[in-house]
C-alpha atoms as a PDB file:
ATOM      1  CA  MET A   1       0.076   0.035  -0.220  1.00  0.00           C
ATOM      2  CA  ALA A   2       2.478   2.738   0.927  1.00  0.00           C
ATOM      3  CA  GLU A   3       4.867   1.618  -2.702  1.00  0.00           C
ATOM      4  CA  ASN A   4       1.282   2.611  -4.558  1.00  0.00           C
ATOM      5  CA  ALA A   5       0.725   5.687  -2.396  1.00  0.00           C
ATOM      6  CA  GLY A   6       3.139   7.532  -5.235  1.00  0.00           C
ATOM      7  CA  PRO A   7       6.601   8.641  -5.278  1.00  0.00           C
ATOM      8  CA  GLY A   8       8.483   9.381  -1.928  1.00  0.00           C
ATOM      9  CA  PRO A   9      10.879  12.156  -0.997  1.00  0.00           C
ATOM     10  CA  SER A  10      13.770  10.796  -2.637  1.00  0.00           C
ATOM     11  CA  GLU A  11      11.828  10.631  -5.661  1.00  0.00           C
ATOM     12  CA  SER A  12      10.591  13.881  -5.999  1.00  0.00           C
ATOM     13  CA  HIS A  13      13.693  15.632  -4.754  1.00  0.00           C
ATOM     14  CA  PRO A  14      15.870  15.255  -8.037  1.00  0.00           C
ATOM     15  CA  ALA A  15      13.007  16.425 -10.014  1.00  0.00           C
ATOM     16  CA  SER A  16      12.539  19.874  -8.067  1.00  0.00           C
ATOM     17  CA  ALA A  17      16.044  20.281  -8.257  1.00  0.00           C
ATOM     18  CA  ALA A  18      16.355  19.656 -11.780  1.00  0.00           C
ATOM     19  CA  LEU A  19      13.228  21.795 -12.120  1.00  0.00           C
ATOM     20  CA  ALA A  20      15.297  24.397  -9.832  1.00  0.00           C
ATOM     21  CA  ALA A  21      18.616  23.974 -11.827  1.00  0.00           C
ATOM     22  CA  GLU A  22      16.339  24.546 -15.458  1.00  0.00           C
ATOM     23  CA  ARG A  23      14.864  27.916 -13.540  1.00  0.00           C
ATOM     24  CA  VAL A  24      18.185  28.838 -12.385  1.00  0.00           C
ATOM     25  CA  ALA A  25      19.881  28.367 -15.914  1.00  0.00           C
ATOM     26  CA  ALA A  26      16.913  30.171 -17.411  1.00  0.00           C
ATOM     27  CA  ILE A  27      16.867  33.044 -14.836  1.00  0.00           C
ATOM     28  CA  ILE A  28      20.910  33.112 -15.311  1.00  0.00           C
ATOM     29  CA  ALA A  29      20.702  33.053 -18.855  1.00  0.00           C
ATOM     30  CA  ALA A  30      17.913  35.761 -18.792  1.00  0.00           C
ATOM     31  CA  ALA A  31      20.385  37.317 -17.003  1.00  0.00           C
ATOM     32  CA  GLU A  32      23.187  37.172 -18.690  1.00  0.00           C
ATOM     33  CA  GLU A  33      20.780  37.728 -21.630  1.00  0.00           C
ATOM     34  CA  THR A  34      19.302  40.667 -19.832  1.00  0.00           C
ATOM     35  CA  ALA A  35      23.068  41.987 -18.731  1.00  0.00           C
ATOM     36  CA  GLU A  36      24.017  41.446 -22.871  1.00  0.00           C
ATOM     37  CA  ARG A  37      21.353  43.625 -23.699  1.00  0.00           C
ATOM     38  CA  LEU A  38      22.149  45.803 -20.912  1.00  0.00           C
ATOM     39  CA  ARG A  39      26.029  46.153 -22.194  1.00  0.00           C
ATOM     40  CA  ARG A  40      24.657  46.265 -26.084  1.00  0.00           C
ATOM     41  CA  GLU A  41      22.388  49.344 -24.591  1.00  0.00           C
ATOM     42  CA  THR A  42      25.125  50.828 -22.410  1.00  0.00           C
ATOM     43  CA  GLU A  43      27.597  50.585 -25.180  1.00  0.00           C
ATOM     44  CA  GLN A  44      25.092  51.874 -27.570  1.00  0.00           C
ATOM     45  CA  ARG A  45      24.528  54.735 -25.741  1.00  0.00           C
ATOM     46  CA  ALA A  46      27.572  55.625 -24.297  1.00  0.00           C
ATOM     47  CA  SER A  47      28.724  55.190 -28.461  1.00  0.00           C
ATOM     48  CA  ASP A  48      25.508  57.937 -29.239  1.00  0.00           C
ATOM     49  CA  ARG A  49      26.902  59.997 -26.849  1.00  0.00           C
ATOM     50  CA  ILE A  50      30.111  59.803 -27.719  1.00  0.00           C
ATOM     51  CA  ALA A  51      29.268  60.546 -31.246  1.00  0.00           C
ATOM     52  CA  GLU A  52      27.121  63.010 -29.658  1.00  0.00           C
ATOM     53  CA  ALA A  53      29.714  64.867 -27.357  1.00  0.00           C
ATOM     54  CA  LYS A  54      31.950  64.169 -30.695  1.00  0.00           C
ATOM     55  CA  ARG A  55      29.187  66.126 -33.042  1.00  0.00           C
ATOM     56  CA  ALA A  56      28.919  68.443 -29.823  1.00  0.00           C
ATOM     57  CA  ALA A  57      32.795  68.536 -29.874  1.00  0.00           C
ATOM     58  CA  ASP A  58      33.263  69.230 -33.511  1.00  0.00           C
ATOM     59  CA  ASN A  59      30.036  72.104 -33.701  1.00  0.00           C
ATOM     60  CA  ARG A  60      31.556  73.683 -30.810  1.00  0.00           C
ATOM     61  CA  VAL A  61      34.883  73.685 -32.659  1.00  0.00           C
ATOM     62  CA  ARG A  62      33.436  74.915 -35.751  1.00  0.00           C
ATOM     63  CA  ALA A  63      31.602  77.232 -33.780  1.00  0.00           C
ATOM     64  CA  GLY A  64      34.923  78.653 -32.508  1.00  0.00           C
ATOM     65  CA  GLU A  65      36.524  78.462 -35.740  1.00  0.00           C
ATOM     66  CA  GLU A  66      33.834  80.532 -37.165  1.00  0.00           C
ATOM     67  CA  GLU A  67      33.876  82.680 -34.592  1.00  0.00           C
ATOM     68  CA  ALA A  68      37.763  82.838 -34.407  1.00  0.00           C
ATOM     69  CA  GLU A  69      37.181  83.760 -38.153  1.00  0.00           C
ATOM     70  CA  GLU A  70      34.518  86.290 -37.272  1.00  0.00           C
ATOM     71  CA  ILE A  71      36.810  87.761 -34.734  1.00  0.00           C
ATOM     72  CA  VAL A  72      39.547  87.690 -36.891  1.00  0.00           C
ATOM     73  CA  ARG A  73      37.766  89.534 -39.684  1.00  0.00           C
ATOM     74  CA  MET A  74      36.177  91.677 -37.375  1.00  0.00           C
ATOM     75  CA  ALA A  75      40.202  92.666 -36.194  1.00  0.00           C
ATOM     76  CA  GLN A  76      41.277  93.228 -39.780  1.00  0.00           C
ATOM     77  CA  ALA A  77      38.683  95.206 -40.892  1.00  0.00           C
ATOM     78  CA  GLU A  78      38.879  97.147 -37.951  1.00  0.00           C
ATOM     79  CA  ALA A  79      42.974  97.238 -38.405  1.00  0.00           C
ATOM     80  CA  THR A  80      41.873  98.196 -41.664  1.00  0.00           C
ATOM     81  CA  VAL A  81      39.959 100.738 -40.691  1.00  0.00           C
ATOM     82  CA  LEU A  82      42.568 102.031 -37.782  1.00  0.00           C
ATOM     83  CA  ARG A  83      44.802 101.806 -40.659  1.00  0.00           C
ATOM     84  CA  GLU A  84      43.072 104.150 -42.989  1.00  0.00           C
ATOM     85  CA  GLU A  85      41.917 106.404 -40.003  1.00  0.00           C
ATOM     86  CA  GLY A  86      45.843 106.437 -39.155  1.00  0.00           C
ATOM     87  CA  ARG A  87      46.951 107.058 -42.905  1.00  0.00           C
ATOM     88  CA  ALA A  88      44.457 109.606 -43.306  1.00  0.00           C
ATOM     89  CA  SER A  89      45.069 111.169 -40.124  1.00  0.00           C
ATOM     90  CA  ALA A  90      48.716 111.092 -41.223  1.00  0.00           C
ATOM     91  CA  GLU A  91      48.124 112.805 -44.155  1.00  0.00           C
ATOM     92  CA  ALA A  92      46.132 115.611 -42.287  1.00  0.00           C
ATOM     93  CA  ALA A  93      48.718 116.221 -40.076  1.00  0.00           C
ATOM     94  CA  ASN A  94      51.398 116.143 -42.655  1.00  0.00           C
ATOM     95  CA  THR A  95      49.012 118.409 -44.733  1.00  0.00           C
ATOM     96  CA  ALA A  96      48.622 120.863 -41.398  1.00  0.00           C
ATOM     97  CA  ALA A  97      52.289 120.650 -40.925  1.00  0.00           C
ATOM     98  CA  THR A  98      53.441 121.388 -44.707  1.00  0.00           C
ATOM     99  CA  ASN A  99      50.537 124.496 -44.450  1.00  0.00           C
ATOM    100  CA  GLU A 100      52.165 125.532 -41.175  1.00  0.00           C
ATOM    101  CA  ALA A 101      55.529 125.540 -42.265  1.00  0.00           C
ATOM    102  CA  LEU A 102      54.667 126.975 -45.724  1.00  0.00           C
ATOM    103  CA  ALA A 103      53.281 129.266 -43.691  1.00  0.00           C
ATOM    104  CA  ILE A 104      56.265 130.311 -41.428  1.00  0.00           C
ATOM    105  CA  ILE A 105      58.264 130.051 -44.439  1.00  0.00           C
ATOM    106  CA  ALA A 106      55.813 133.067 -45.831  1.00  0.00           C
ATOM    107  CA  ARG A 107      56.544 134.890 -42.715  1.00  0.00           C
ATOM    108  CA  ALA A 108      59.831 134.672 -42.194  1.00  0.00           C
ATOM    109  CA  GLU A 109      60.326 135.722 -45.883  1.00  0.00           C
ATOM    110  CA  GLU A 110      58.087 138.634 -45.451  1.00  0.00           C
ATOM    111  CA  SER A 111      59.741 139.890 -42.388  1.00  0.00           C
ATOM    112  CA  ALA A 112      63.365 139.434 -44.075  1.00  0.00           C
ATOM    113  CA  SER A 113      61.772 141.542 -46.959  1.00  0.00           C
ATOM    114  CA  GLY A 114      60.946 144.476 -44.362  1.00  0.00           C
ATOM    115  CA  ILE A 115      63.814 143.828 -42.564  1.00  0.00           C
ATOM    116  CA  VAL A 116      66.146 144.361 -45.720  1.00  0.00           C
ATOM    117  CA  ALA A 117      63.989 146.929 -46.748  1.00  0.00           C
ATOM    118  CA  GLU A 118      64.528 149.192 -43.500  1.00  0.00           C
ATOM    119  CA  ALA A 119      68.353 148.125 -43.796  1.00  0.00           C
ATOM    120  CA  GLN A 120      68.281 149.414 -47.332  1.00  0.00           C
ATOM    121  CA  GLN A 121      66.763 152.519 -46.356  1.00  0.00           C
ATOM    122  CA  SER A 122      68.537 152.565 -42.991  1.00  0.00           C
ATOM    123  CA  ALA A 123      71.376 152.408 -45.577  1.00  0.00           C
ATOM    124  CA  ALA A 124      70.205 154.927 -48.126  1.00  0.00           C
ATOM    125  CA  ALA A 125      69.709 157.054 -45.384  1.00  0.00           C
ATOM    126  CA  THR A 126      72.659 156.943 -43.379  1.00  0.00           C
ATOM    127  CA  ARG A 127      74.513 157.001 -47.225  1.00  0.00           C
ATOM    128  CA  ALA A 128      72.978 160.431 -48.148  1.00  0.00           C
ATOM    129  CA  THR A 129      73.774 161.501 -44.655  1.00  0.00           C
ATOM    130  CA  ALA A 130      77.525 160.657 -45.048  1.00  0.00           C
ATOM    131  CA  GLU A 131      77.569 161.968 -49.006  1.00  0.00           C
ATOM    132  CA  ASP A 132      75.828 165.550 -47.552  1.00  0.00           C
ATOM    133  CA  ARG A 133      78.261 165.333 -44.721  1.00  0.00           C
ATOM    134  CA  ALA A 134      81.471 164.708 -46.633  1.00  0.00           C
ATOM    135  CA  ARG A 135      80.145 167.172 -49.194  1.00  0.00           C
ATOM    136  CA  GLY A 136      79.947 169.772 -46.437  1.00  0.00           C
ATOM    137  CA  LEU A 137      83.268 168.863 -45.344  1.00  0.00           C
ATOM    138  CA  LEU A 138      85.332 168.831 -48.508  1.00  0.00           C
ATOM    139  CA  GLU A 139      83.198 172.475 -49.421  1.00  0.00           C
ATOM    140  CA  ASP A 140      84.394 173.614 -45.582  1.00  0.00           C
ATOM    141  CA  ALA A 141      87.848 172.408 -46.740  1.00  0.00           C
ATOM    142  CA  ARG A 142      87.831 174.125 -50.292  1.00  0.00           C
ATOM    143  CA  ALA A 143      86.573 177.206 -48.251  1.00  0.00           C
ATOM    144  CA  THR A 144      89.275 176.872 -45.563  1.00  0.00           C
ATOM    145  CA  ALA A 145      91.783 175.975 -48.057  1.00  0.00           C
ATOM    146  CA  ASP A 146      90.731 179.676 -50.304  1.00  0.00           C
ATOM    147  CA  GLY A 147      91.005 181.181 -47.085  1.00  0.00           C
ATOM    148  CA  VAL A 148      94.046 179.914 -46.301  1.00  0.00           C
ATOM    149  CA  ARG A 149      95.254 180.160 -49.807  1.00  0.00           C
ATOM    150  CA  SER A 150      94.127 184.274 -49.454  1.00  0.00           C
ATOM    151  CA  GLU A 151      95.183 184.722 -46.374  1.00  0.00           C
ATOM    152  CA  GLY A 152      98.727 183.087 -47.826  1.00  0.00           C
ATOM    153  CA  LEU A 153      98.287 185.336 -50.633  1.00  0.00           C
ATOM    154  CA  GLU A 154      98.081 188.424 -49.203  1.00  0.00           C
ATOM    155  CA  LEU A 155     100.437 187.641 -46.628  1.00  0.00           C
ATOM    156  CA  VAL A 156     103.121 187.130 -49.142  1.00  0.00           C
ATOM    157  CA  GLY A 157     101.754 190.094 -50.898  1.00  0.00           C
ATOM    158  CA  ASN A 158     102.187 192.120 -47.893  1.00  0.00           C
ATOM    159  CA  LEU A 159     105.697 191.120 -46.854  1.00  0.00           C
ATOM    160  CA  ARG A 160     106.510 191.857 -50.648  1.00  0.00           C
ATOM    161  CA  GLU A 161     105.458 195.406 -49.877  1.00  0.00           C
ATOM    162  CA  MET A 162     107.059 195.908 -46.563  1.00  0.00           C
ATOM    163  CA  SER A 163     110.341 193.857 -47.914  1.00  0.00           C
ATOM    164  CA  ASN A 164     109.927 197.125 -51.136  1.00  0.00           C
ATOM    165  CA  SER A 165     108.952 199.419 -48.504  1.00  0.00           C
ATOM    166  CA  LEU A 166     111.990 198.565 -46.252  1.00  0.00           C
ATOM    167  CA  ARG A 167     114.381 198.483 -49.466  1.00  0.00           C
ATOM    168  CA  ALA A 168     113.149 201.716 -50.397  1.00  0.00           C
ATOM    169  CA  ASN A 169     113.278 202.817 -46.785  1.00  0.00           C
ATOM    170  CA  ALA A 170     116.661 201.683 -46.781  1.00  0.00           C
ATOM    171  CA  GLU A 171     118.001 203.248 -49.968  1.00  0.00           C
ATOM    172  CA  ARG A 172     116.433 206.639 -48.408  1.00  0.00           C
ATOM    173  CA  LEU A 173     118.422 206.653 -45.472  1.00  0.00           C
ATOM    174  CA  LEU A 174     121.555 205.349 -46.970  1.00  0.00           C
ATOM    175  CA  GLY A 175     121.384 208.238 -49.322  1.00  0.00           C
ATOM    176  CA  ASP A 176     120.278 210.925 -46.712  1.00  0.00           C
ATOM    177  CA  VAL A 177     123.604 209.307 -44.400  1.00  0.00           C
ATOM    178  CA  GLN A 178     125.289 209.727 -47.268  1.00  0.00           C
ATOM    179  CA  ARG A 179     124.588 213.440 -48.094  1.00  0.00           C
ATOM    180  CA  VAL A 180     125.168 213.849 -44.266  1.00  0.00           C
ATOM    181  CA  HIS A 181     128.540 212.561 -44.275  1.00  0.00           C
ATOM    182  CA  SER A 182     129.769 214.156 -47.368  1.00  0.00           C
ATOM    183  CA  ARG A 183     128.678 217.881 -45.792  1.00  0.00           C
ATOM    184  CA  LEU A 184     129.991 216.725 -42.576  1.00  0.00           C
ATOM    185  CA  VAL A 185     132.932 215.661 -44.585  1.00  0.00           C
ATOM    186  CA  ALA A 186     132.628 219.107 -46.564  1.00  0.00           C
ATOM    187  CA  GLN A 187     133.038 220.926 -43.155  1.00  0.00           C
ATOM    188  CA  ILE A 188     136.055 219.483 -41.897  1.00  0.00           C
ATOM    189  CA  GLU A 189     137.983 219.867 -44.684  1.00  0.00           C
ATOM    190  CA  ARG A 190     136.289 223.794 -44.709  1.00  0.00           C
ATOM    191  CA  VAL A 191     137.946 223.935 -41.047  1.00  0.00           C
ATOM    192  CA  GLU A 192     141.011 221.716 -42.231  1.00  0.00           C
ATOM    193  CA  ARG A 193     141.699 224.343 -44.699  1.00  0.00           C
ATOM    194  CA  ALA A 194     140.721 227.651 -42.766  1.00  0.00           C
ATOM    195  CA  ALA A 195     143.044 226.252 -39.837  1.00  0.00           C
ATOM    196  CA  GLY A 196     145.849 225.785 -42.878  1.00  0.00           C
ATOM    197  CA  GLY A 197     145.755 229.384 -44.492  1.00  0.00           C
ATOM    198  CA  GLY A 198     145.726 231.325 -41.114  1.00  0.00           C
ATOM    199  CA  SER A 199     149.876 230.067 -40.163  1.00  0.00           C
ATOM    200  CA  ALA A 200     150.746 230.346 -43.660  1.00  0.00           C
ATOM    201  CA  ALA A 201     152.823 233.236 -42.309  1.00  0.00           C
ATOM    202  CA  GLY A 202     154.632 231.145 -39.404  1.00  0.00           C
ATOM    203  CA  GLY A 203     156.890 228.008 -39.638  1.00  0.00           C
ATOM    204  CA  ALA A 204     155.889 225.027 -40.261  1.00  0.00           C
ATOM    205  CA  GLY A 205     156.746 223.577 -37.072  1.00  0.00           C
ATOM    206  CA  ALA A 206     154.180 226.289 -35.553  1.00  0.00           C
ATOM    207  CA  GLY A 207     151.942 225.795 -37.778  1.00  0.00           C
ATOM    208  CA  ARG A 208     151.298 222.518 -37.596  1.00  0.00           C
ATOM    209  CA  ARG A 209     151.737 223.189 -33.668  1.00  0.00           C
ATOM    210  CA  ARG A 210     148.260 225.374 -33.995  1.00  0.00           C
ATOM    211  CA  SER A 211     146.565 222.888 -36.231  1.00  0.00           C
ATOM    212  CA  ARG A 212     146.733 219.970 -33.571  1.00  0.00           C
ATOM    213  CA  GLY A 213     145.694 222.619 -31.430  1.00  0.00           C
ATOM    214  CA  ASP A 214     143.261 224.645 -32.591  1.00  0.00           C
ATOM    215  CA  VAL A 215     141.307 222.165 -34.614  1.00  0.00           C
ATOM    216  CA  GLY A 216     139.320 221.046 -31.397  1.00  0.00           C
ATOM    217  CA  ARG A 217     138.309 224.355 -31.297  1.00  0.00           C
ATOM    218  CA  ASP A 218     137.410 225.309 -34.718  1.00  0.00           C
ATOM    219  CA  LEU A 219     135.362 222.466 -34.350  1.00  0.00           C
ATOM    220  CA  SER A 220     133.576 223.142 -31.576  1.00  0.00           C
ATOM    221  CA  ARG A 221     133.223 226.535 -32.653  1.00  0.00           C
ATOM    222  CA  ASP A 222     131.644 224.884 -36.101  1.00  0.00           C
ATOM    223  CA  ARG A 223     129.514 222.402 -34.780  1.00  0.00           C
ATOM    224  CA  ASP A 224     128.024 225.276 -32.162  1.00  0.00           C
ATOM    225  CA  GLN A 225     127.685 227.030 -35.709  1.00  0.00           C
ATOM    226  CA  PHE A 226     125.911 223.833 -36.986  1.00  0.00           C
ATOM    227  CA  GLU A 227     122.443 224.289 -38.085  1.00  0.00           C
ATOM    228  CA  PRO A 228     119.903 221.307 -38.690  1.00  0.00           C
ATOM    229  CA  SER A 229     118.777 223.050 -41.709  1.00  0.00           C
ATOM    230  CA  ASP A 230     122.326 222.326 -42.989  1.00  0.00           C
ATOM    231  CA  LEU A 231     121.373 218.551 -43.565  1.00  0.00           C
ATOM    232  CA  PRO A 232     119.374 217.272 -46.332  1.00  0.00           C
ATOM    233  CA  VAL A 233     116.348 217.654 -46.780  1.00  0.00           C
ATOM    234  CA  ALA A 234     114.754 214.249 -46.201  1.00  0.00           C
ATOM    235  CA  ASP A 235     111.305 213.357 -48.035  1.00  0.00           C
ATOM    236  CA  ASP A 236     107.708 213.581 -46.628  1.00  0.00           C
ATOM    237  CA  GLY A 237     108.452 210.978 -44.557  1.00  0.00           C
ATOM    238  CA  LEU A 238     109.329 206.897 -44.895  1.00  0.00           C
ATOM    239  CA  ASP A 239     107.610 204.493 -47.437  1.00  0.00           C
ATOM    240  CA  VAL A 240     104.783 202.813 -45.131  1.00  0.00           C
ATOM    241  CA  PRO A 241     103.091 199.625 -46.216  1.00  0.00           C
ATOM    242  CA  ASP A 242      99.607 200.305 -46.824  1.00  0.00           C
ATOM    243  CA  PHE A 243      98.617 197.524 -44.673  1.00  0.00           C
ATOM    244  CA  ILE A 244     100.266 199.101 -41.810  1.00  0.00           C
ATOM    245  CA  PRO A 245      98.035 202.071 -40.005  1.00  0.00           C
ATOM    246  CA  PRO A 246      99.987 205.029 -39.508  1.00  0.00           C
ATOM    247  CA  GLY A 247     100.996 205.863 -35.875  1.00  0.00           C
END
């Protein structure tokens, strides 16, 4: 009876173990499949994320490059604008400096022309003054020379006239002296003759003694008897030059 009732515990245990093993194997296979699927999904998802990240990175790189190129273009454009502005500013500054330099040169030339004109006018005035002064000095010198010459000629004429007058006066005085001398000599001879005639009766020695003793008395007597009117009458006066005023 016990053998007909059913399998015993020892017979049911291997079946449940096999079933459990199958279940475990199915669970493991399902887990492995799930893990594999999860791994594939994870790898796919990672690949997608990597691709997306790569695309994002490429986009960012491209955007950065485009932005950099845009910045470079903007910088180049700004540099070009600044270069043009700098060139225009430099040209304007150069033009302004050139115009200012030309204005300064024009003012300097104008000032130099004025200074030269003033110098020429001053030189002309100085030359005219010097010429007038030189002309006046020459005229004064000529007048002085003429005056000196006139005075010299007048002095020479006066000296010549004085010489002629002195010569004439000397000749007159010499004639007067000669006439007085001749008159005195004649009187002395007359006295000597008179003294010699009075002693003719006496001896020669006595007459000689009388003549020597009495000659002095006879001359004294003749001198006392001499009158100024006996002298030769001179002319009206000595010859006096016209330039000497009478005394």
